[in-house]
Amino acid sequence: MTEETIFSKIINGTIPSTLIYHDDLVSAFADINPKAEHHILIVTNKPIPSVSDVTAADEPALGRLFTVAAKLARDFKVDQSGYRLIINCGPDGGQEVPHIHMHFLAGGKLGGLGFPEKH
């Protein structure tokens, strides 16, 4: 059994959040430290620590991350103007919570991706 995460606690309601979407596979809620006008985390309800831990059985939930992102884009009317989806993997990839989640960022022109400069 995977250890409970802050996202698990949000999903089960023990930590309050602004829940935007919830079904049997994924949940979406506002990021507490937004980097864009619309910054939403879409998370698997099953706590999968990282992309490195994904199995074939997880494919329905991972596919749902993308269909929910498309729904959010339509809901926020950014499906034509554009938005950004980010999944960080591991500490060097910027992942802070060991629970797969996708960042949905939208609302105006988004800045650079934060890639390190090549030397």
PDB file of N, CA and C in Angstrom:
ATOM      1  N   MET A   1       0.847  -1.186   0.000  1.00  0.00           N
ATOM      2  CA  MET A   1       0.000   0.000   0.000  1.00  0.00           C
ATOM      3  C   MET A   1       0.883   1.236   0.000  1.00  0.00           C
ATOM      4  N   THR A   2       0.565   2.176  -0.856  1.00  0.00           N
ATOM      5  CA  THR A   2       1.325   3.407  -0.960  1.00  0.00           C
ATOM      6  C   THR A   2       0.971   4.327   0.199  1.00  0.00           C
ATOM      7  N   GLU A   3       1.975   5.053   0.675  1.00  0.00           N
ATOM      8  CA  GLU A   3       1.782   5.985   1.783  1.00  0.00           C
ATOM      9  C   GLU A   3       0.814   7.101   1.381  1.00  0.00           C
ATOM     10  N   GLU A   4      -0.008   7.540   2.345  1.00  0.00           N
ATOM     11  CA  GLU A   4      -0.953   8.625   2.084  1.00  0.00           C
ATOM     12  C   GLU A   4      -0.177   9.918   1.832  1.00  0.00           C
ATOM     13  N   THR A   5      -0.662  10.713   0.883  1.00  0.00           N
ATOM     14  CA  THR A   5      -0.013  11.970   0.531  1.00  0.00           C
ATOM     15  C   THR A   5      -0.950  13.136   0.835  1.00  0.00           C
ATOM     16  N   ILE A   6      -0.428  14.340   0.733  1.00  0.00           N
ATOM     17  CA  ILE A   6      -1.274  15.523   0.912  1.00  0.00           C
ATOM     18  C   ILE A   6      -2.408  15.506  -0.115  1.00  0.00           C
ATOM     19  N   PHE A   7      -2.142  14.995  -1.322  1.00  0.00           N
ATOM     20  CA  PHE A   7      -3.194  14.938  -2.339  1.00  0.00           C
ATOM     21  C   PHE A   7      -4.253  13.910  -1.963  1.00  0.00           C
ATOM     22  N   SER A   8      -3.848  12.786  -1.367  1.00  0.00           N
ATOM     23  CA  SER A   8      -4.821  11.793  -0.892  1.00  0.00           C
ATOM     24  C   SER A   8      -5.749  12.418   0.135  1.00  0.00           C
ATOM     25  N   LYS A   9      -5.175  13.230   1.016  1.00  0.00           N
ATOM     26  CA  LYS A   9      -5.968  13.880   2.056  1.00  0.00           C
ATOM     27  C   LYS A   9      -6.933  14.902   1.464  1.00  0.00           C
ATOM     28  N   ILE A  10      -6.520  15.579   0.398  1.00  0.00           N
ATOM     29  CA  ILE A  10      -7.426  16.506  -0.283  1.00  0.00           C
ATOM     30  C   ILE A  10      -8.557  15.722  -0.937  1.00  0.00           C
ATOM     31  N   ILE A  11      -8.211  14.622  -1.608  1.00  0.00           N
ATOM     32  CA  ILE A  11      -9.214  13.807  -2.295  1.00  0.00           C
ATOM     33  C   ILE A  11     -10.231  13.242  -1.314  1.00  0.00           C
ATOM     34  N   ASN A  12      -9.766  12.767  -0.148  1.00  0.00           N
ATOM     35  CA  ASN A  12     -10.714  12.173   0.812  1.00  0.00           C
ATOM     36  C   ASN A  12     -11.367  13.201   1.734  1.00  0.00           C
ATOM     37  N   GLY A  13     -11.022  14.494   1.543  1.00  0.00           N
ATOM     38  CA  GLY A  13     -11.710  15.553   2.263  1.00  0.00           C
ATOM     39  C   GLY A  13     -11.155  15.904   3.632  1.00  0.00           C
ATOM     40  N   THR A  14     -10.035  15.308   4.042  1.00  0.00           N
ATOM     41  CA  THR A  14      -9.482  15.661   5.349  1.00  0.00           C
ATOM     42  C   THR A  14      -8.704  16.972   5.323  1.00  0.00           C
ATOM     43  N   ILE A  15      -8.318  17.414   4.118  1.00  0.00           N
ATOM     44  CA  ILE A  15      -7.715  18.736   3.942  1.00  0.00           C
ATOM     45  C   ILE A  15      -8.625  19.493   2.983  1.00  0.00           C
ATOM     46  N   PRO A  16      -9.062  20.689   3.358  1.00  0.00           N
ATOM     47  CA  PRO A  16      -9.962  21.445   2.474  1.00  0.00           C
ATOM     48  C   PRO A  16      -9.240  21.924   1.215  1.00  0.00           C
ATOM     49  N   SER A  17     -10.009  22.036   0.144  1.00  0.00           N
ATOM     50  CA  SER A  17      -9.467  22.547  -1.113  1.00  0.00           C
ATOM     51  C   SER A  17     -10.608  23.084  -1.955  1.00  0.00           C
ATOM     52  N   THR A  18     -10.245  23.725  -3.044  1.00  0.00           N
ATOM     53  CA  THR A  18     -11.226  24.160  -4.027  1.00  0.00           C
ATOM     54  C   THR A  18     -11.315  23.059  -5.073  1.00  0.00           C
ATOM     55  N   LEU A  19     -12.208  22.097  -4.836  1.00  0.00           N
ATOM     56  CA  LEU A  19     -12.367  20.971  -5.738  1.00  0.00           C
ATOM     57  C   LEU A  19     -13.093  21.428  -6.994  1.00  0.00           C
ATOM     58  N   ILE A  20     -12.498  21.150  -8.138  1.00  0.00           N
ATOM     59  CA  ILE A  20     -13.040  21.583  -9.418  1.00  0.00           C
ATOM     60  C   ILE A  20     -13.637  20.403 -10.183  1.00  0.00           C
ATOM     61  N   TYR A  21     -13.081  19.217  -9.972  1.00  0.00           N
ATOM     62  CA  TYR A  21     -13.550  18.027 -10.680  1.00  0.00           C
ATOM     63  C   TYR A  21     -13.227  16.802  -9.826  1.00  0.00           C
ATOM     64  N   HIS A  22     -14.110  15.809  -9.864  1.00  0.00           N
ATOM     65  CA  HIS A  22     -13.849  14.555  -9.156  1.00  0.00           C
ATOM     66  C   HIS A  22     -14.662  13.453  -9.819  1.00  0.00           C
ATOM     67  N   ASP A  23     -14.027  12.318 -10.061  1.00  0.00           N
ATOM     68  CA  ASP A  23     -14.726  11.111 -10.505  1.00  0.00           C
ATOM     69  C   ASP A  23     -14.029   9.920  -9.864  1.00  0.00           C
ATOM     70  N   ASP A  24     -14.278   8.727 -10.368  1.00  0.00           N
ATOM     71  CA  ASP A  24     -13.710   7.541  -9.739  1.00  0.00           C
ATOM     72  C   ASP A  24     -12.211   7.379  -9.983  1.00  0.00           C
ATOM     73  N   LEU A  25     -11.637   8.080 -10.965  1.00  0.00           N
ATOM     74  CA  LEU A  25     -10.222   7.913 -11.292  1.00  0.00           C
ATOM     75  C   LEU A  25      -9.335   9.103 -10.946  1.00  0.00           C
ATOM     76  N   VAL A  26      -9.856  10.314 -11.114  1.00  0.00           N
ATOM     77  CA  VAL A  26      -9.032  11.505 -10.894  1.00  0.00           C
ATOM     78  C   VAL A  26      -9.822  12.604 -10.185  1.00  0.00           C
ATOM     79  N   SER A  27      -9.074  13.543  -9.628  1.00  0.00           N
ATOM     80  CA  SER A  27      -9.655  14.735  -9.012  1.00  0.00           C
ATOM     81  C   SER A  27      -8.838  15.932  -9.481  1.00  0.00           C
ATOM     82  N   ALA A  28      -9.473  17.100  -9.482  1.00  0.00           N
ATOM     83  CA  ALA A  28      -8.781  18.332  -9.859  1.00  0.00           C
ATOM     84  C   ALA A  28      -9.148  19.423  -8.862  1.00  0.00           C
ATOM     85  N   PHE A  29      -8.154  20.192  -8.468  1.00  0.00           N
ATOM     86  CA  PHE A  29      -8.368  21.262  -7.502  1.00  0.00           C
ATOM     87  C   PHE A  29      -7.363  22.374  -7.750  1.00  0.00           C
ATOM     88  N   ALA A  30      -7.674  23.559  -7.254  1.00  0.00           N
ATOM     89  CA  ALA A  30      -6.818  24.726  -7.443  1.00  0.00           C
ATOM     90  C   ALA A  30      -5.496  24.548  -6.704  1.00  0.00           C
ATOM     91  N   ASP A  31      -4.413  24.956  -7.358  1.00  0.00           N
ATOM     92  CA  ASP A  31      -3.096  24.947  -6.728  1.00  0.00           C
ATOM     93  C   ASP A  31      -3.067  26.055  -5.676  1.00  0.00           C
ATOM     94  N   ILE A  32      -2.496  25.771  -4.501  1.00  0.00           N
ATOM     95  CA  ILE A  32      -2.464  26.785  -3.434  1.00  0.00           C
ATOM     96  C   ILE A  32      -1.421  27.868  -3.689  1.00  0.00           C
ATOM     97  N   ASN A  33      -0.528  27.641  -4.649  1.00  0.00           N
ATOM     98  CA  ASN A  33       0.497  28.624  -4.997  1.00  0.00           C
ATOM     99  C   ASN A  33       0.476  28.807  -6.516  1.00  0.00           C
ATOM    100  N   PRO A  34      -0.589  29.443  -7.043  1.00  0.00           N
ATOM    101  CA  PRO A  34      -0.774  29.488  -8.497  1.00  0.00           C
ATOM    102  C   PRO A  34       0.322  30.245  -9.232  1.00  0.00           C
ATOM    103  N   LYS A  35       0.687  29.703 -10.396  1.00  0.00           N
ATOM    104  CA  LYS A  35       1.695  30.312 -11.268  1.00  0.00           C
ATOM    105  C   LYS A  35       1.056  30.908 -12.522  1.00  0.00           C
ATOM    106  N   ALA A  36      -0.264  30.821 -12.617  1.00  0.00           N
ATOM    107  CA  ALA A  36      -1.007  31.370 -13.748  1.00  0.00           C
ATOM    108  C   ALA A  36      -2.411  31.695 -13.266  1.00  0.00           C
ATOM    109  N   GLU A  37      -3.160  32.414 -14.084  1.00  0.00           N
ATOM    110  CA  GLU A  37      -4.537  32.762 -13.722  1.00  0.00           C
ATOM    111  C   GLU A  37      -5.339  31.517 -13.363  1.00  0.00           C
ATOM    112  N   HIS A  38      -5.191  30.479 -14.167  1.00  0.00           N
ATOM    113  CA  HIS A  38      -5.811  29.184 -13.876  1.00  0.00           C
ATOM    114  C   HIS A  38      -4.684  28.186 -13.666  1.00  0.00           C
ATOM    115  N   HIS A  39      -4.456  27.778 -12.427  1.00  0.00           N
ATOM    116  CA  HIS A  39      -3.439  26.769 -12.111  1.00  0.00           C
ATOM    117  C   HIS A  39      -4.139  25.688 -11.301  1.00  0.00           C
ATOM    118  N   ILE A  40      -4.387  24.580 -11.968  1.00  0.00           N
ATOM    119  CA  ILE A  40      -5.153  23.490 -11.377  1.00  0.00           C
ATOM    120  C   ILE A  40      -4.301  22.233 -11.384  1.00  0.00           C
ATOM    121  N   LEU A  41      -4.364  21.482 -10.308  1.00  0.00           N
ATOM    122  CA  LEU A  41      -3.697  20.190 -10.241  1.00  0.00           C
ATOM    123  C   LEU A  41      -4.726  19.110 -10.541  1.00  0.00           C
ATOM    124  N   ILE A  42      -4.390  18.240 -11.474  1.00  0.00           N
ATOM    125  CA  ILE A  42      -5.230  17.093 -11.795  1.00  0.00           C
ATOM    126  C   ILE A  42      -4.447  15.883 -11.304  1.00  0.00           C
ATOM    127  N   VAL A  43      -5.016  15.145 -10.369  1.00  0.00           N
ATOM    128  CA  VAL A  43      -4.286  14.058  -9.722  1.00  0.00           C
ATOM    129  C   VAL A  43      -5.036  12.738  -9.854  1.00  0.00           C
ATOM    130  N   THR A  44      -4.271  11.659  -9.866  1.00  0.00           N
ATOM    131  CA  THR A  44      -4.893  10.342  -9.830  1.00  0.00           C
ATOM    132  C   THR A  44      -5.430  10.116  -8.427  1.00  0.00           C
ATOM    133  N   ASN A  45      -6.614   9.537  -8.313  1.00  0.00           N
ATOM    134  CA  ASN A  45      -7.144   9.246  -6.981  1.00  0.00           C
ATOM    135  C   ASN A  45      -6.316   8.171  -6.294  1.00  0.00           C
ATOM    136  N   LYS A  46      -5.815   7.224  -7.068  1.00  0.00           N
ATOM    137  CA  LYS A  46      -4.895   6.214  -6.535  1.00  0.00           C
ATOM    138  C   LYS A  46      -3.531   6.884  -6.429  1.00  0.00           C
ATOM    139  N   PRO A  47      -2.909   6.863  -5.249  1.00  0.00           N
ATOM    140  CA  PRO A  47      -1.609   7.522  -5.102  1.00  0.00           C
ATOM    141  C   PRO A  47      -0.475   6.727  -5.757  1.00  0.00           C
ATOM    142  N   ILE A  48      -0.133   7.098  -6.984  1.00  0.00           N
ATOM    143  CA  ILE A  48       1.006   6.518  -7.698  1.00  0.00           C
ATOM    144  C   ILE A  48       2.159   7.493  -7.472  1.00  0.00           C
ATOM    145  N   PRO A  49       3.271   7.059  -6.873  1.00  0.00           N
ATOM    146  CA  PRO A  49       4.325   8.001  -6.503  1.00  0.00           C
ATOM    147  C   PRO A  49       4.909   8.822  -7.654  1.00  0.00           C
ATOM    148  N   SER A  50       5.188   8.188  -8.795  1.00  0.00           N
ATOM    149  CA  SER A  50       5.822   8.894  -9.902  1.00  0.00           C
ATOM    150  C   SER A  50       5.538   8.153 -11.203  1.00  0.00           C
ATOM    151  N   VAL A  51       5.845   8.792 -12.304  1.00  0.00           N
ATOM    152  CA  VAL A  51       5.687   8.136 -13.602  1.00  0.00           C
ATOM    153  C   VAL A  51       6.510   6.846 -13.637  1.00  0.00           C
ATOM    154  N   SER A  52       7.612   6.814 -12.940  1.00  0.00           N
ATOM    155  CA  SER A  52       8.455   5.610 -12.891  1.00  0.00           C
ATOM    156  C   SER A  52       7.744   4.426 -12.256  1.00  0.00           C
ATOM    157  N   ASP A  53       6.659   4.667 -11.541  1.00  0.00           N
ATOM    158  CA  ASP A  53       5.916   3.609 -10.852  1.00  0.00           C
ATOM    159  C   ASP A  53       4.646   3.197 -11.590  1.00  0.00           C
ATOM    160  N   VAL A  54       4.421   3.747 -12.764  1.00  0.00           N
ATOM    161  CA  VAL A  54       3.204   3.458 -13.530  1.00  0.00           C
ATOM    162  C   VAL A  54       3.228   2.030 -14.060  1.00  0.00           C
ATOM    163  N   THR A  55       2.050   1.389 -14.014  1.00  0.00           N
ATOM    164  CA  THR A  55       1.881   0.066 -14.612  1.00  0.00           C
ATOM    165  C   THR A  55       0.772   0.145 -15.660  1.00  0.00           C
ATOM    166  N   ALA A  56       0.625  -0.910 -16.425  1.00  0.00           N
ATOM    167  CA  ALA A  56      -0.433  -0.956 -17.443  1.00  0.00           C
ATOM    168  C   ALA A  56      -1.815  -0.772 -16.811  1.00  0.00           C
ATOM    169  N   ALA A  57      -1.983  -1.222 -15.579  1.00  0.00           N
ATOM    170  CA  ALA A  57      -3.267  -1.082 -14.895  1.00  0.00           C
ATOM    171  C   ALA A  57      -3.621   0.392 -14.630  1.00  0.00           C
ATOM    172  N   ASP A  58      -2.637   1.277 -14.662  1.00  0.00           N
ATOM    173  CA  ASP A  58      -2.855   2.698 -14.395  1.00  0.00           C
ATOM    174  C   ASP A  58      -3.261   3.488 -15.637  1.00  0.00           C
ATOM    175  N   GLU A  59      -3.240   2.845 -16.810  1.00  0.00           N
ATOM    176  CA  GLU A  59      -3.513   3.572 -18.048  1.00  0.00           C
ATOM    177  C   GLU A  59      -4.865   4.279 -18.075  1.00  0.00           C
ATOM    178  N   PRO A  60      -5.949   3.692 -17.577  1.00  0.00           N
ATOM    179  CA  PRO A  60      -7.220   4.434 -17.594  1.00  0.00           C
ATOM    180  C   PRO A  60      -7.155   5.744 -16.802  1.00  0.00           C
ATOM    181  N   ALA A  61      -6.536   5.729 -15.642  1.00  0.00           N
ATOM    182  CA  ALA A  61      -6.441   6.949 -14.832  1.00  0.00           C
ATOM    183  C   ALA A  61      -5.540   7.980 -15.510  1.00  0.00           C
ATOM    184  N   LEU A  62      -4.454   7.531 -16.108  1.00  0.00           N
ATOM    185  CA  LEU A  62      -3.550   8.475 -16.756  1.00  0.00           C
ATOM    186  C   LEU A  62      -4.195   9.088 -17.995  1.00  0.00           C
ATOM    187  N   GLY A  63      -4.947   8.299 -18.727  1.00  0.00           N
ATOM    188  CA  GLY A  63      -5.692   8.847 -19.857  1.00  0.00           C
ATOM    189  C   GLY A  63      -6.718   9.863 -19.391  1.00  0.00           C
ATOM    190  N   ARG A  64      -7.336   9.608 -18.257  1.00  0.00           N
ATOM    191  CA  ARG A  64      -8.338  10.519 -17.715  1.00  0.00           C
ATOM    192  C   ARG A  64      -7.717  11.867 -17.351  1.00  0.00           C
ATOM    193  N   LEU A  65      -6.444  11.881 -16.925  1.00  0.00           N
ATOM    194  CA  LEU A  65      -5.789  13.163 -16.656  1.00  0.00           C
ATOM    195  C   LEU A  65      -5.921  14.091 -17.872  1.00  0.00           C
ATOM    196  N   PHE A  66      -5.714  13.519 -19.052  1.00  0.00           N
ATOM    197  CA  PHE A  66      -5.745  14.317 -20.276  1.00  0.00           C
ATOM    198  C   PHE A  66      -7.164  14.702 -20.691  1.00  0.00           C
ATOM    199  N   THR A  67      -8.120  13.802 -20.525  1.00  0.00           N
ATOM    200  CA  THR A  67      -9.489  14.166 -20.903  1.00  0.00           C
ATOM    201  C   THR A  67     -10.054  15.220 -19.946  1.00  0.00           C
ATOM    202  N   VAL A  68      -9.657  15.151 -18.687  1.00  0.00           N
ATOM    203  CA  VAL A  68     -10.085  16.191 -17.738  1.00  0.00           C
ATOM    204  C   VAL A  68      -9.391  17.512 -18.078  1.00  0.00           C
ATOM    205  N   ALA A  69      -8.123  17.468 -18.477  1.00  0.00           N
ATOM    206  CA  ALA A  69      -7.440  18.702 -18.891  1.00  0.00           C
ATOM    207  C   ALA A  69      -8.165  19.339 -20.072  1.00  0.00           C
ATOM    208  N   ALA A  70      -8.578  18.532 -21.030  1.00  0.00           N
ATOM    209  CA  ALA A  70      -9.311  19.062 -22.191  1.00  0.00           C
ATOM    210  C   ALA A  70     -10.646  19.668 -21.756  1.00  0.00           C
ATOM    211  N   LYS A  71     -11.320  19.029 -20.799  1.00  0.00           N
ATOM    212  CA  LYS A  71     -12.585  19.564 -20.279  1.00  0.00           C
ATOM    213  C   LYS A  71     -12.351  20.904 -19.593  1.00  0.00           C
ATOM    214  N   LEU A  72     -11.306  20.991 -18.775  1.00  0.00           N
ATOM    215  CA  LEU A  72     -10.998  22.248 -18.094  1.00  0.00           C
ATOM    216  C   LEU A  72     -10.698  23.349 -19.103  1.00  0.00           C
ATOM    217  N   ALA A  73      -9.970  23.000 -20.161  1.00  0.00           N
ATOM    218  CA  ALA A  73      -9.650  23.986 -21.195  1.00  0.00           C
ATOM    219  C   ALA A  73     -10.930  24.538 -21.823  1.00  0.00           C
ATOM    220  N   ARG A  74     -11.886  23.649 -22.087  1.00  0.00           N
ATOM    221  CA  ARG A  74     -13.171  24.116 -22.630  1.00  0.00           C
ATOM    222  C   ARG A  74     -13.922  24.956 -21.597  1.00  0.00           C
ATOM    223  N   ASP A  75     -13.953  24.479 -20.347  1.00  0.00           N
ATOM    224  CA  ASP A  75     -14.671  25.203 -19.289  1.00  0.00           C
ATOM    225  C   ASP A  75     -14.124  26.613 -19.081  1.00  0.00           C
ATOM    226  N   PHE A  76     -12.788  26.757 -19.143  1.00  0.00           N
ATOM    227  CA  PHE A  76     -12.158  28.063 -18.940  1.00  0.00           C
ATOM    228  C   PHE A  76     -11.992  28.835 -20.249  1.00  0.00           C
ATOM    229  N   LYS A  77     -12.511  28.252 -21.334  1.00  0.00           N
ATOM    230  CA  LYS A  77     -12.484  28.880 -22.658  1.00  0.00           C
ATOM    231  C   LYS A  77     -11.067  29.210 -23.124  1.00  0.00           C
ATOM    232  N   VAL A  78     -10.144  28.283 -22.882  1.00  0.00           N
ATOM    233  CA  VAL A  78      -8.763  28.438 -23.352  1.00  0.00           C
ATOM    234  C   VAL A  78      -8.380  27.314 -24.314  1.00  0.00           C
ATOM    235  N   ASP A  79      -9.371  26.517 -24.719  1.00  0.00           N
ATOM    236  CA  ASP A  79      -9.076  25.388 -25.600  1.00  0.00           C
ATOM    237  C   ASP A  79      -8.543  25.844 -26.952  1.00  0.00           C
ATOM    238  N   GLN A  80      -8.881  27.041 -27.402  1.00  0.00           N
ATOM    239  CA  GLN A  80      -8.384  27.556 -28.677  1.00  0.00           C
ATOM    240  C   GLN A  80      -7.139  28.424 -28.495  1.00  0.00           C
ATOM    241  N   SER A  81      -7.092  29.209 -27.413  1.00  0.00           N
ATOM    242  CA  SER A  81      -5.950  30.112 -27.206  1.00  0.00           C
ATOM    243  C   SER A  81      -4.727  29.405 -26.653  1.00  0.00           C
ATOM    244  N   GLY A  82      -4.941  28.328 -25.899  1.00  0.00           N
ATOM    245  CA  GLY A  82      -3.816  27.538 -25.427  1.00  0.00           C
ATOM    246  C   GLY A  82      -3.672  27.481 -23.920  1.00  0.00           C
ATOM    247  N   TYR A  83      -2.963  26.452 -23.505  1.00  0.00           N
ATOM    248  CA  TYR A  83      -2.702  26.191 -22.086  1.00  0.00           C
ATOM    249  C   TYR A  83      -1.495  25.284 -21.999  1.00  0.00           C
ATOM    250  N   ARG A  84      -1.014  25.069 -20.796  1.00  0.00           N
ATOM    251  CA  ARG A  84       0.170  24.229 -20.596  1.00  0.00           C
ATOM    252  C   ARG A  84      -0.165  23.104 -19.633  1.00  0.00           C
ATOM    253  N   LEU A  85       0.342  21.905 -19.939  1.00  0.00           N
ATOM    254  CA  LEU A  85       0.232  20.746 -19.056  1.00  0.00           C
ATOM    255  C   LEU A  85       1.639  20.322 -18.677  1.00  0.00           C
ATOM    256  N   ILE A  86       1.854  20.106 -17.379  1.00  0.00           N
ATOM    257  CA  ILE A  86       3.186  19.724 -16.901  1.00  0.00           C
ATOM    258  C   ILE A  86       3.050  18.560 -15.929  1.00  0.00           C
ATOM    259  N   ILE A  87       3.883  17.543 -16.124  1.00  0.00           N
ATOM    260  CA  ILE A  87       4.020  16.459 -15.153  1.00  0.00           C
ATOM    261  C   ILE A  87       5.499  16.395 -14.788  1.00  0.00           C
ATOM    262  N   ASN A  88       5.815  16.673 -13.534  1.00  0.00           N
ATOM    263  CA  ASN A  88       7.183  16.597 -13.046  1.00  0.00           C
ATOM    264  C   ASN A  88       7.445  15.195 -12.503  1.00  0.00           C
ATOM    265  N   CYS A  89       8.657  14.689 -12.737  1.00  0.00           N
ATOM    266  CA  CYS A  89       9.001  13.336 -12.305  1.00  0.00           C
ATOM    267  C   CYS A  89      10.276  13.344 -11.477  1.00  0.00           C
ATOM    268  N   GLY A  90      10.160  12.984 -10.212  1.00  0.00           N
ATOM    269  CA  GLY A  90      11.313  12.885  -9.326  1.00  0.00           C
ATOM    270  C   GLY A  90      11.855  14.235  -8.898  1.00  0.00           C
ATOM    271  N   PRO A  91      12.736  14.216  -7.897  1.00  0.00           N
ATOM    272  CA  PRO A  91      13.272  15.456  -7.333  1.00  0.00           C
ATOM    273  C   PRO A  91      13.987  16.338  -8.362  1.00  0.00           C
ATOM    274  N   ASP A  92      14.801  15.757  -9.230  1.00  0.00           N
ATOM    275  CA  ASP A  92      15.508  16.564 -10.224  1.00  0.00           C
ATOM    276  C   ASP A  92      14.560  17.118 -11.283  1.00  0.00           C
ATOM    277  N   GLY A  93      13.397  16.498 -11.440  1.00  0.00           N
ATOM    278  CA  GLY A  93      12.399  16.976 -12.385  1.00  0.00           C
ATOM    279  C   GLY A  93      11.448  17.989 -11.771  1.00  0.00           C
ATOM    280  N   GLY A  94      11.629  18.290 -10.488  1.00  0.00           N
ATOM    281  CA  GLY A  94      10.806  19.292  -9.824  1.00  0.00           C
ATOM    282  C   GLY A  94       9.569  18.742  -9.127  1.00  0.00           C
ATOM    283  N   GLN A  95       9.461  17.409  -9.014  1.00  0.00           N
ATOM    284  CA  GLN A  95       8.293  16.828  -8.344  1.00  0.00           C
ATOM    285  C   GLN A  95       8.448  16.989  -6.831  1.00  0.00           C
ATOM    286  N   GLU A  96       7.471  17.662  -6.207  1.00  0.00           N
ATOM    287  CA  GLU A  96       7.528  17.922  -4.772  1.00  0.00           C
ATOM    288  C   GLU A  96       6.660  16.981  -3.957  1.00  0.00           C
ATOM    289  N   VAL A  97       5.587  16.454  -4.557  1.00  0.00           N
ATOM    290  CA  VAL A  97       4.683  15.539  -3.855  1.00  0.00           C
ATOM    291  C   VAL A  97       4.757  14.179  -4.553  1.00  0.00           C
ATOM    292  N   PRO A  98       5.049  13.100  -3.815  1.00  0.00           N
ATOM    293  CA  PRO A  98       5.163  11.776  -4.443  1.00  0.00           C
ATOM    294  C   PRO A  98       3.792  11.167  -4.757  1.00  0.00           C
ATOM    295  N   HIS A  99       3.094  11.801  -5.663  1.00  0.00           N
ATOM    296  CA  HIS A  99       1.757  11.385  -6.086  1.00  0.00           C
ATOM    297  C   HIS A  99       1.574  12.000  -7.475  1.00  0.00           C
ATOM    298  N   ILE A 100       1.435  11.164  -8.503  1.00  0.00           N
ATOM    299  CA  ILE A 100       1.338  11.684  -9.874  1.00  0.00           C
ATOM    300  C   ILE A 100       0.281  12.769  -9.947  1.00  0.00           C
ATOM    301  N   HIS A 101       0.676  13.874 -10.558  1.00  0.00           N
ATOM    302  CA  HIS A 101      -0.252  14.978 -10.771  1.00  0.00           C
ATOM    303  C   HIS A 101       0.179  15.776 -11.987  1.00  0.00           C
ATOM    304  N   MET A 102      -0.808  16.342 -12.645  1.00  0.00           N
ATOM    305  CA  MET A 102      -0.588  17.166 -13.819  1.00  0.00           C
ATOM    306  C   MET A 102      -0.959  18.601 -13.465  1.00  0.00           C
ATOM    307  N   HIS A 103      -0.080  19.530 -13.797  1.00  0.00           N
ATOM    308  CA  HIS A 103      -0.373  20.949 -13.633  1.00  0.00           C
ATOM    309  C   HIS A 103      -1.067  21.434 -14.901  1.00  0.00           C
ATOM    310  N   PHE A 104      -2.224  22.045 -14.749  1.00  0.00           N
ATOM    311  CA  PHE A 104      -2.940  22.701 -15.841  1.00  0.00           C
ATOM    312  C   PHE A 104      -2.768  24.185 -15.610  1.00  0.00           C
ATOM    313  N   LEU A 105      -2.105  24.883 -16.537  1.00  0.00           N
ATOM    314  CA  LEU A 105      -1.865  26.317 -16.415  1.00  0.00           C
ATOM    315  C   LEU A 105      -2.442  27.021 -17.633  1.00  0.00           C
ATOM    316  N   ALA A 106      -3.200  28.075 -17.384  1.00  0.00           N
ATOM    317  CA  ALA A 106      -3.819  28.811 -18.484  1.00  0.00           C
ATOM    318  C   ALA A 106      -4.179  30.212 -18.039  1.00  0.00           C
ATOM    319  N   GLY A 107      -4.490  31.042 -19.020  1.00  0.00           N
ATOM    320  CA  GLY A 107      -4.915  32.407 -18.743  1.00  0.00           C
ATOM    321  C   GLY A 107      -3.842  33.388 -19.132  1.00  0.00           C
ATOM    322  N   GLY A 108      -3.854  33.817 -20.361  1.00  0.00           N
ATOM    323  CA  GLY A 108      -2.848  34.751 -20.841  1.00  0.00           C
ATOM    324  C   GLY A 108      -1.620  34.034 -21.359  1.00  0.00           C
ATOM    325  N   LYS A 109      -0.688  34.834 -21.869  1.00  0.00           N
ATOM    326  CA  LYS A 109       0.549  34.301 -22.440  1.00  0.00           C
ATOM    327  C   LYS A 109       1.416  33.749 -21.314  1.00  0.00           C
ATOM    328  N   LEU A 110       1.782  32.468 -21.410  1.00  0.00           N
ATOM    329  CA  LEU A 110       2.612  31.836 -20.387  1.00  0.00           C
ATOM    330  C   LEU A 110       4.080  32.048 -20.720  1.00  0.00           C
ATOM    331  N   GLY A 111       4.883  32.242 -19.688  1.00  0.00           N
ATOM    332  CA  GLY A 111       6.311  32.499 -19.864  1.00  0.00           C
ATOM    333  C   GLY A 111       7.085  31.249 -20.239  1.00  0.00           C
ATOM    334  N   GLY A 112       8.403  31.311 -20.071  1.00  0.00           N
ATOM    335  CA  GLY A 112       9.302  30.217 -20.422  1.00  0.00           C
ATOM    336  C   GLY A 112       9.034  28.971 -19.602  1.00  0.00           C
ATOM    337  N   LEU A 113       9.634  27.894 -20.019  1.00  0.00           N
ATOM    338  CA  LEU A 113       9.409  26.606 -19.377  1.00  0.00           C
ATOM    339  C   LEU A 113      10.327  26.343 -18.197  1.00  0.00           C
ATOM    340  N   GLY A 114      11.309  27.197 -17.974  1.00  0.00           N
ATOM    341  CA  GLY A 114      12.197  27.002 -16.833  1.00  0.00           C
ATOM    342  C   GLY A 114      13.284  25.986 -17.084  1.00  0.00           C
ATOM    343  N   PHE A 115      13.592  25.680 -18.346  1.00  0.00           N
ATOM    344  CA  PHE A 115      14.671  24.744 -18.626  1.00  0.00           C
ATOM    345  C   PHE A 115      16.000  25.393 -18.306  1.00  0.00           C
ATOM    346  N   PRO A 116      16.935  24.622 -17.766  1.00  0.00           N
ATOM    347  CA  PRO A 116      18.253  25.203 -17.510  1.00  0.00           C
ATOM    348  C   PRO A 116      18.952  25.561 -18.826  1.00  0.00           C
ATOM    349  N   GLU A 117      19.760  26.611 -18.766  1.00  0.00           N
ATOM    350  CA  GLU A 117      20.511  26.996 -19.966  1.00  0.00           C
ATOM    351  C   GLU A 117      21.636  26.017 -20.205  1.00  0.00           C
ATOM    352  N   LYS A 118      21.925  25.757 -21.474  1.00  0.00           N
ATOM    353  CA  LYS A 118      23.044  24.867 -21.833  1.00  0.00           C
ATOM    354  C   LYS A 118      24.340  25.657 -21.728  1.00  0.00           C
ATOM    355  N   HIS A 119      25.375  24.986 -21.245  1.00  0.00           N
ATOM    356  CA  HIS A 119      26.686  25.655 -21.120  1.00  0.00           C
ATOM    357  C   HIS A 119      27.629  25.124 -22.165  1.00  0.00           C
TER     358      HIS A 119
END
